[in-house]
Amino acid sequence: MILTDTRYADVVVLALKGRLDQTTAEDVRTELAPPMARCAEGQDHVVLDLTAVDYVSSAGLRVFMLAAKQAKAQQGYLALVEVQPLVQEILEISKFTLILKILPSVRDALAEASPAALAAFEAR
């Protein structure tokens, strides 16, 4: 489900693709484990790019919730970006917009997370 991972200085951008549902949620959780383990104060920041995610079920919401809780416990930075309208609606209805940082673009997340990452992004 993780299509690509791109590093900009101390930020890892993980681009997801497809449906995040009962069938794929556990695989995504497993794939997120290594980057989330490094998502801590003084280490990596994590940005989930949802440009190519067209649906999120309750199982997918659980993946986001667990990642957010882990980032918070480790004092890390986690943001979702490029959220598609249907997924945004699901996040709003489920009130996940209150616990997840959701930003319009990768650039916005990099600017918020790390000046070094934004500089690397701008230099590419």
Foldseek 3Di string as FASTA:
>chain_A
DFPDWDDQPQEIETEDAEECEPVCLVVVLVVCVVVLVQQAVPGHAYEYEDLHYDYYDVSNVVSVVVSLVSNVVRVGHYAYENDDPVRVVVCVVVVVVVRHHYDHHPLVSCVVHDPRSNVSVVVD
